[in-house]
Amino acid sequence: MKTIIPGDYQETLKYATEHFVQLANAAIEKHGAFHVALSGGSTPKAIFKMLSGPPYAKQVDWQKVWLYWSDERCVPHDDPESNYKMAMDAGLKSLPIPENQIFRMEGELDPDEAATRYESILPKKFDLIMLGMGDDGHTASLFPDTEALNEKNRLVAPNFVPQKDSWRITFTFKCLAENDPVIFYVLGAGKAEIVKKVLTAKDYPASHVQNAQWILDAEAGKLIE
């Protein structure tokens, strides 16, 4: 696992945003499109806000960007808990991305049906999968001690999360392992302890994403030797 610590919160947020722009432009130059899977969480939200404003909003050909999500809560698209709604409200809806290139997970459907439908529309390869990490070491909606951790065949799976008493739809470890780059964005002193544990043990879902890069701010990475 590769870790990058650009500096404090604001410096790291700027780095992550500029890195997103670089990856987008490189993919568009290489094969005419940028396929990115977005994540929920406060750090991705901050990245989306920065991307949607000056100067970054004018640095990408958004007509060639294709949006997907790495996980979703089983709620309608306009529910406050929706990762899709969060990303759109954070500023992405202001960008000129064609509507037919925005692929939300259909959280209002039966979870298994939604996962099956979503897997059928995935690109052959993503140019970027964005991930966050919770305080329990979960990533996407791969929570500790849940069924989707054991999924070997599907790229997208339904997952009941007892801790949240709710269903989720999530990319699986198989999906994450087959794509590059997969990047964790983890910022803030509150994440320092779990970052250390995840990077030094194999007891957490996030520990199993061996091909990932980690972008951390100085506070989140302060316990790494």
C-alpha atoms as a PDB file:
ATOM      1  CA  MET A   1       0.000   0.000   0.000  1.00  0.00           C
ATOM      2  CA  LYS A   2       1.365   3.386  -1.002  1.00  0.00           C
ATOM      3  CA  THR A   3       0.767   6.341   1.337  1.00  0.00           C
ATOM      4  CA  ILE A   4       0.972  10.001   0.351  1.00  0.00           C
ATOM      5  CA  ILE A   5       0.868  12.764   2.971  1.00  0.00           C
ATOM      6  CA  PRO A   6       0.877  16.144   1.179  1.00  0.00           C
ATOM      7  CA  GLY A   7       0.535  18.282   4.321  1.00  0.00           C
ATOM      8  CA  ASP A   8      -2.248  19.681   6.486  1.00  0.00           C
ATOM      9  CA  TYR A   9      -5.972  19.318   5.760  1.00  0.00           C
ATOM     10  CA  GLN A  10      -6.204  22.113   3.210  1.00  0.00           C
ATOM     11  CA  GLU A  11      -2.982  21.168   1.438  1.00  0.00           C
ATOM     12  CA  THR A  12      -4.122  17.560   1.211  1.00  0.00           C
ATOM     13  CA  LEU A  13      -7.556  18.505  -0.057  1.00  0.00           C
ATOM     14  CA  LYS A  14      -5.934  20.633  -2.760  1.00  0.00           C
ATOM     15  CA  TYR A  15      -3.561  17.799  -3.653  1.00  0.00           C
ATOM     16  CA  ALA A  16      -6.428  15.286  -3.908  1.00  0.00           C
ATOM     17  CA  THR A  17      -8.438  17.619  -6.131  1.00  0.00           C
ATOM     18  CA  GLU A  18      -5.533  18.364  -8.433  1.00  0.00           C
ATOM     19  CA  HIS A  19      -4.706  14.646  -8.588  1.00  0.00           C
ATOM     20  CA  PHE A  20      -8.310  13.929  -9.649  1.00  0.00           C
ATOM     21  CA  VAL A  21      -7.937  16.519 -12.427  1.00  0.00           C
ATOM     22  CA  GLN A  22      -4.648  14.983 -13.564  1.00  0.00           C
ATOM     23  CA  LEU A  23      -6.120  11.482 -13.695  1.00  0.00           C
ATOM     24  CA  ALA A  24      -9.171  12.735 -15.578  1.00  0.00           C
ATOM     25  CA  ASN A  25      -7.140  14.561 -18.195  1.00  0.00           C
ATOM     26  CA  ALA A  26      -4.737  11.657 -18.638  1.00  0.00           C
ATOM     27  CA  ALA A  27      -7.600   9.202 -19.181  1.00  0.00           C
ATOM     28  CA  ILE A  28      -9.381  11.521 -21.611  1.00  0.00           C
ATOM     29  CA  GLU A  29      -6.183  12.009 -23.582  1.00  0.00           C
ATOM     30  CA  LYS A  30      -5.493   8.260 -23.611  1.00  0.00           C
ATOM     31  CA  HIS A  31      -8.895   6.830 -24.498  1.00  0.00           C
ATOM     32  CA  GLY A  32     -11.375   9.672 -24.743  1.00  0.00           C
ATOM     33  CA  ALA A  33     -13.218   9.184 -21.450  1.00  0.00           C
ATOM     34  CA  PHE A  34     -12.742   9.273 -17.684  1.00  0.00           C
ATOM     35  CA  HIS A  35     -14.644   6.582 -15.776  1.00  0.00           C
ATOM     36  CA  VAL A  36     -14.656   7.329 -12.053  1.00  0.00           C
ATOM     37  CA  ALA A  37     -16.452   5.670  -9.144  1.00  0.00           C
ATOM     38  CA  LEU A  38     -17.260   8.147  -6.390  1.00  0.00           C
ATOM     39  CA  SER A  39     -17.458   7.608  -2.651  1.00  0.00           C
ATOM     40  CA  GLY A  40     -19.625   8.966   0.115  1.00  0.00           C
ATOM     41  CA  GLY A  41     -18.196  10.670   3.179  1.00  0.00           C
ATOM     42  CA  SER A  42     -17.039  14.098   4.289  1.00  0.00           C
ATOM     43  CA  THR A  43     -13.674  14.085   2.499  1.00  0.00           C
ATOM     44  CA  PRO A  44     -15.048  13.153  -0.946  1.00  0.00           C
ATOM     45  CA  LYS A  45     -17.758  15.774  -0.381  1.00  0.00           C
ATOM     46  CA  ALA A  46     -15.063  18.394   0.173  1.00  0.00           C
ATOM     47  CA  ILE A  47     -13.243  17.231  -2.973  1.00  0.00           C
ATOM     48  CA  PHE A  48     -16.446  17.490  -5.027  1.00  0.00           C
ATOM     49  CA  LYS A  49     -17.002  21.023  -3.768  1.00  0.00           C
ATOM     50  CA  MET A  50     -13.483  22.038  -4.722  1.00  0.00           C
ATOM     51  CA  LEU A  51     -13.719  20.353  -8.137  1.00  0.00           C
ATOM     52  CA  SER A  52     -16.939  22.216  -8.892  1.00  0.00           C
ATOM     53  CA  GLY A  53     -15.478  25.654  -8.253  1.00  0.00           C
ATOM     54  CA  PRO A  54     -12.682  27.770  -9.719  1.00  0.00           C
ATOM     55  CA  PRO A  55     -10.181  27.034 -11.056  1.00  0.00           C
ATOM     56  CA  TYR A  56     -10.785  23.276 -11.294  1.00  0.00           C
ATOM     57  CA  ALA A  57     -14.242  23.319 -12.875  1.00  0.00           C
ATOM     58  CA  LYS A  58     -12.665  24.606 -16.093  1.00  0.00           C
ATOM     59  CA  GLN A  59      -9.678  22.246 -16.073  1.00  0.00           C
ATOM     60  CA  VAL A  60     -11.534  19.065 -17.125  1.00  0.00           C
ATOM     61  CA  ASP A  61     -13.604  18.292 -20.228  1.00  0.00           C
ATOM     62  CA  TRP A  62     -16.635  17.212 -18.211  1.00  0.00           C
ATOM     63  CA  GLN A  63     -18.460  16.147 -21.370  1.00  0.00           C
ATOM     64  CA  LYS A  64     -16.111  13.144 -21.361  1.00  0.00           C
ATOM     65  CA  VAL A  65     -16.533  12.218 -17.693  1.00  0.00           C
ATOM     66  CA  TRP A  66     -18.595   9.168 -16.669  1.00  0.00           C
ATOM     67  CA  LEU A  67     -19.730   9.016 -13.029  1.00  0.00           C
ATOM     68  CA  TYR A  68     -20.420   5.876 -11.006  1.00  0.00           C
ATOM     69  CA  TRP A  69     -20.593   5.137  -7.271  1.00  0.00           C
ATOM     70  CA  SER A  70     -18.647   2.590  -5.227  1.00  0.00           C
ATOM     71  CA  ASP A  71     -21.521   2.099  -2.795  1.00  0.00           C
ATOM     72  CA  GLU A  72     -24.953   3.382  -1.888  1.00  0.00           C
ATOM     73  CA  ARG A  73     -27.511   3.217   0.872  1.00  0.00           C
ATOM     74  CA  CYS A  74     -30.786   1.550  -0.064  1.00  0.00           C
ATOM     75  CA  VAL A  75     -32.767   4.770  -0.166  1.00  0.00           C
ATOM     76  CA  PRO A  76     -34.343   6.822  -2.982  1.00  0.00           C
ATOM     77  CA  HIS A  77     -32.078   9.132  -4.975  1.00  0.00           C
ATOM     78  CA  ASP A  78     -33.470  12.246  -3.282  1.00  0.00           C
ATOM     79  CA  ASP A  79     -33.075  10.941   0.281  1.00  0.00           C
ATOM     80  CA  PRO A  80     -30.663  12.967   2.477  1.00  0.00           C
ATOM     81  CA  GLU A  81     -28.745   9.734   3.148  1.00  0.00           C
ATOM     82  CA  SER A  82     -28.071   9.089  -0.557  1.00  0.00           C
ATOM     83  CA  ASN A  83     -24.437   9.181  -1.654  1.00  0.00           C
ATOM     84  CA  TYR A  84     -25.651  10.171  -5.119  1.00  0.00           C
ATOM     85  CA  LYS A  85     -27.570  13.136  -3.724  1.00  0.00           C
ATOM     86  CA  MET A  86     -24.594  14.192  -1.611  1.00  0.00           C
ATOM     87  CA  ALA A  87     -22.249  14.264  -4.596  1.00  0.00           C
ATOM     88  CA  MET A  88     -24.699  16.125  -6.794  1.00  0.00           C
ATOM     89  CA  ASP A  89     -25.551  18.664  -4.080  1.00  0.00           C
ATOM     90  CA  ALA A  90     -21.846  19.170  -3.296  1.00  0.00           C
ATOM     91  CA  GLY A  91     -21.491  20.747  -6.729  1.00  0.00           C
ATOM     92  CA  LEU A  92     -21.255  18.026  -9.351  1.00  0.00           C
ATOM     93  CA  LYS A  93     -24.716  18.855 -10.703  1.00  0.00           C
ATOM     94  CA  SER A  94     -23.356  22.260 -11.719  1.00  0.00           C
ATOM     95  CA  LEU A  95     -20.799  20.663 -14.043  1.00  0.00           C
ATOM     96  CA  PRO A  96     -21.666  19.963 -17.711  1.00  0.00           C
ATOM     97  CA  ILE A  97     -21.618  16.164 -17.371  1.00  0.00           C
ATOM     98  CA  PRO A  98     -24.206  14.595 -19.727  1.00  0.00           C
ATOM     99  CA  GLU A  99     -27.045  13.013 -17.758  1.00  0.00           C
ATOM    100  CA  ASN A 100     -26.672   9.749 -19.656  1.00  0.00           C
ATOM    101  CA  GLN A 101     -23.092   9.498 -18.312  1.00  0.00           C
ATOM    102  CA  ILE A 102     -24.161   9.614 -14.648  1.00  0.00           C
ATOM    103  CA  PHE A 103     -24.918   6.152 -13.268  1.00  0.00           C
ATOM    104  CA  ARG A 104     -26.357   6.103  -9.789  1.00  0.00           C
ATOM    105  CA  MET A 105     -26.999   2.912  -7.845  1.00  0.00           C
ATOM    106  CA  GLU A 106     -30.769   2.398  -7.680  1.00  0.00           C
ATOM    107  CA  GLY A 107     -31.158   2.278  -3.927  1.00  0.00           C
ATOM    108  CA  GLU A 108     -34.940   2.254  -4.134  1.00  0.00           C
ATOM    109  CA  LEU A 109     -34.953  -1.216  -5.739  1.00  0.00           C
ATOM    110  CA  ASP A 110     -34.588  -4.619  -4.143  1.00  0.00           C
ATOM    111  CA  PRO A 111     -30.892  -4.686  -3.061  1.00  0.00           C
ATOM    112  CA  ASP A 112     -30.016  -7.824  -5.005  1.00  0.00           C
ATOM    113  CA  GLU A 113     -31.716  -6.555  -8.155  1.00  0.00           C
ATOM    114  CA  ALA A 114     -30.037  -3.163  -7.808  1.00  0.00           C
ATOM    115  CA  ALA A 115     -26.604  -4.783  -7.422  1.00  0.00           C
ATOM    116  CA  THR A 116     -27.166  -7.041 -10.436  1.00  0.00           C
ATOM    117  CA  ARG A 117     -28.340  -4.150 -12.591  1.00  0.00           C
ATOM    118  CA  TYR A 118     -25.407  -2.007 -11.542  1.00  0.00           C
ATOM    119  CA  GLU A 119     -22.821  -4.658 -12.289  1.00  0.00           C
ATOM    120  CA  SER A 120     -24.229  -4.945 -15.821  1.00  0.00           C
ATOM    121  CA  ILE A 121     -23.414  -1.307 -16.613  1.00  0.00           C
ATOM    122  CA  LEU A 122     -19.902  -1.066 -15.178  1.00  0.00           C
ATOM    123  CA  PRO A 123     -17.074  -0.164 -17.556  1.00  0.00           C
ATOM    124  CA  LYS A 124     -14.418  -2.743 -18.302  1.00  0.00           C
ATOM    125  CA  LYS A 125     -11.987  -0.720 -16.215  1.00  0.00           C
ATOM    126  CA  PHE A 126     -12.257   2.342 -14.026  1.00  0.00           C
ATOM    127  CA  ASP A 127      -9.747   5.161 -14.334  1.00  0.00           C
ATOM    128  CA  LEU A 128     -10.254   5.909 -10.634  1.00  0.00           C
ATOM    129  CA  ILE A 129     -12.157   4.374  -7.731  1.00  0.00           C
ATOM    130  CA  MET A 130     -12.491   6.734  -4.785  1.00  0.00           C
ATOM    131  CA  LEU A 131     -12.804   5.250  -1.295  1.00  0.00           C
ATOM    132  CA  GLY A 132     -13.167   6.559   2.218  1.00  0.00           C
ATOM    133  CA  MET A 133     -12.809   4.701   5.500  1.00  0.00           C
ATOM    134  CA  GLY A 134     -14.981   4.621   8.599  1.00  0.00           C
ATOM    135  CA  ASP A 135     -13.860   4.522  12.201  1.00  0.00           C
ATOM    136  CA  ASP A 136     -14.474   0.750  12.214  1.00  0.00           C
ATOM    137  CA  GLY A 137     -12.218   0.201   9.205  1.00  0.00           C
ATOM    138  CA  HIS A 138     -15.025  -0.292   6.699  1.00  0.00           C
ATOM    139  CA  THR A 139     -14.730   0.982   3.164  1.00  0.00           C
ATOM    140  CA  ALA A 140     -17.427   1.397   0.532  1.00  0.00           C
ATOM    141  CA  SER A 141     -20.190  -0.581   2.292  1.00  0.00           C
ATOM    142  CA  LEU A 142     -17.891  -3.452   3.185  1.00  0.00           C
ATOM    143  CA  PHE A 143     -18.461  -3.402   6.938  1.00  0.00           C
ATOM    144  CA  PRO A 144     -16.820  -5.767   9.446  1.00  0.00           C
ATOM    145  CA  ASP A 145     -18.562  -9.131   9.845  1.00  0.00           C
ATOM    146  CA  THR A 146     -20.952  -8.713   6.909  1.00  0.00           C
ATOM    147  CA  GLU A 147     -21.751 -11.134   4.092  1.00  0.00           C
ATOM    148  CA  ALA A 148     -20.344  -9.086   1.212  1.00  0.00           C
ATOM    149  CA  LEU A 149     -16.827  -9.487   2.616  1.00  0.00           C
ATOM    150  CA  ASN A 150     -16.950 -13.101   1.451  1.00  0.00           C
ATOM    151  CA  GLU A 151     -18.252 -12.451  -2.059  1.00  0.00           C
ATOM    152  CA  LYS A 152     -15.832 -13.970  -4.583  1.00  0.00           C
ATOM    153  CA  ASN A 153     -17.687 -13.780  -7.883  1.00  0.00           C
ATOM    154  CA  ARG A 154     -19.723 -10.589  -8.096  1.00  0.00           C
ATOM    155  CA  LEU A 155     -18.352  -7.106  -8.696  1.00  0.00           C
ATOM    156  CA  VAL A 156     -21.328  -5.447  -6.982  1.00  0.00           C
ATOM    157  CA  ALA A 157     -23.239  -7.020  -4.111  1.00  0.00           C
ATOM    158  CA  PRO A 158     -26.113  -6.308  -1.753  1.00  0.00           C
ATOM    159  CA  ASN A 159     -25.005  -6.148   1.871  1.00  0.00           C
ATOM    160  CA  PHE A 160     -27.072  -6.067   5.033  1.00  0.00           C
ATOM    161  CA  VAL A 161     -25.244  -4.090   7.707  1.00  0.00           C
ATOM    162  CA  PRO A 162     -26.486  -5.036  11.197  1.00  0.00           C
ATOM    163  CA  GLN A 163     -24.516  -2.174  12.721  1.00  0.00           C
ATOM    164  CA  LYS A 164     -26.682   0.239  10.739  1.00  0.00           C
ATOM    165  CA  ASP A 165     -29.785  -1.994  10.553  1.00  0.00           C
ATOM    166  CA  SER A 166     -29.924  -1.264   6.853  1.00  0.00           C
ATOM    167  CA  TRP A 167     -29.180  -2.649   3.408  1.00  0.00           C
ATOM    168  CA  ARG A 168     -26.397  -1.279   1.230  1.00  0.00           C
ATOM    169  CA  ILE A 169     -25.163  -1.868  -2.311  1.00  0.00           C
ATOM    170  CA  THR A 170     -21.410  -2.056  -2.645  1.00  0.00           C
ATOM    171  CA  PHE A 171     -18.439  -2.801  -4.842  1.00  0.00           C
ATOM    172  CA  THR A 172     -16.799  -6.033  -3.718  1.00  0.00           C
ATOM    173  CA  PHE A 173     -13.155  -6.814  -3.025  1.00  0.00           C
ATOM    174  CA  LYS A 174     -13.082  -8.528  -6.440  1.00  0.00           C
ATOM    175  CA  CYS A 175     -14.128  -5.290  -8.133  1.00  0.00           C
ATOM    176  CA  LEU A 176     -11.573  -3.247  -6.207  1.00  0.00           C
ATOM    177  CA  ALA A 177      -8.785  -5.736  -6.941  1.00  0.00           C
ATOM    178  CA  GLU A 178      -9.448  -5.595 -10.681  1.00  0.00           C
ATOM    179  CA  ASN A 179      -9.094  -1.814 -10.965  1.00  0.00           C
ATOM    180  CA  ASP A 180      -6.326   0.741 -10.639  1.00  0.00           C
ATOM    181  CA  PRO A 181      -5.939   3.259  -9.189  1.00  0.00           C
ATOM    182  CA  VAL A 182      -8.028   2.686  -6.085  1.00  0.00           C
ATOM    183  CA  ILE A 183      -7.463   5.574  -3.708  1.00  0.00           C
ATOM    184  CA  PHE A 184      -8.415   6.048  -0.063  1.00  0.00           C
ATOM    185  CA  TYR A 185      -8.921   9.652   1.028  1.00  0.00           C
ATOM    186  CA  VAL A 186      -8.633   9.896   4.818  1.00  0.00           C
ATOM    187  CA  LEU A 187      -8.254  13.220   6.611  1.00  0.00           C
ATOM    188  CA  GLY A 188      -8.344  14.401  10.205  1.00  0.00           C
ATOM    189  CA  ALA A 189      -6.836  13.495  13.579  1.00  0.00           C
ATOM    190  CA  GLY A 190      -9.887  11.399  14.397  1.00  0.00           C
ATOM    191  CA  LYS A 191      -8.800   8.830  11.821  1.00  0.00           C
ATOM    192  CA  ALA A 192      -5.165   8.501  12.946  1.00  0.00           C
ATOM    193  CA  GLU A 193      -5.656   5.453  15.161  1.00  0.00           C
ATOM    194  CA  ILE A 194      -7.714   3.443  12.678  1.00  0.00           C
ATOM    195  CA  VAL A 195      -5.320   4.358   9.838  1.00  0.00           C
ATOM    196  CA  LYS A 196      -2.451   2.894  11.858  1.00  0.00           C
ATOM    197  CA  LYS A 197      -4.430  -0.264  12.627  1.00  0.00           C
ATOM    198  CA  VAL A 198      -5.592  -0.801   9.050  1.00  0.00           C
ATOM    199  CA  LEU A 199      -2.121  -0.328   7.599  1.00  0.00           C
ATOM    200  CA  THR A 200      -0.468  -2.687  10.088  1.00  0.00           C
ATOM    201  CA  ALA A 201      -3.096  -5.436  10.499  1.00  0.00           C
ATOM    202  CA  LYS A 202      -5.419  -7.517   8.332  1.00  0.00           C
ATOM    203  CA  ASP A 203      -8.428  -7.470  10.658  1.00  0.00           C
ATOM    204  CA  TYR A 204     -10.334  -4.691   8.910  1.00  0.00           C
ATOM    205  CA  PRO A 205     -12.143  -4.559   5.558  1.00  0.00           C
ATOM    206  CA  ALA A 206      -9.973  -1.691   4.339  1.00  0.00           C
ATOM    207  CA  SER A 207      -6.862  -3.782   5.065  1.00  0.00           C
ATOM    208  CA  HIS A 208      -7.845  -6.196   2.300  1.00  0.00           C
ATOM    209  CA  VAL A 209      -7.624  -3.625  -0.493  1.00  0.00           C
ATOM    210  CA  GLN A 210      -3.992  -4.399  -1.139  1.00  0.00           C
ATOM    211  CA  ASN A 211      -3.704  -2.495  -4.424  1.00  0.00           C
ATOM    212  CA  ALA A 212      -4.824   0.821  -2.916  1.00  0.00           C
ATOM    213  CA  GLN A 213      -3.075   4.141  -2.589  1.00  0.00           C
ATOM    214  CA  TRP A 214      -3.724   6.217   0.527  1.00  0.00           C
ATOM    215  CA  ILE A 215      -3.893  10.010   0.489  1.00  0.00           C
ATOM    216  CA  LEU A 216      -3.707  11.207   4.101  1.00  0.00           C
ATOM    217  CA  ASP A 217      -3.295  14.564   5.722  1.00  0.00           C
ATOM    218  CA  ALA A 218      -0.638  15.038   8.392  1.00  0.00           C
ATOM    219  CA  GLU A 219      -3.117  14.462  11.219  1.00  0.00           C
ATOM    220  CA  ALA A 220      -4.550  11.231   9.834  1.00  0.00           C
ATOM    221  CA  GLY A 221      -1.064   9.914   9.108  1.00  0.00           C
ATOM    222  CA  LYS A 222       0.661  11.035  12.275  1.00  0.00           C
ATOM    223  CA  LEU A 223       0.892   7.546  13.846  1.00  0.00           C
ATOM    224  CA  ILE A 224       2.413   5.891  10.773  1.00  0.00           C
ATOM    225  CA  GLU A 225       6.076   5.058  11.224  1.00  0.00           C
END
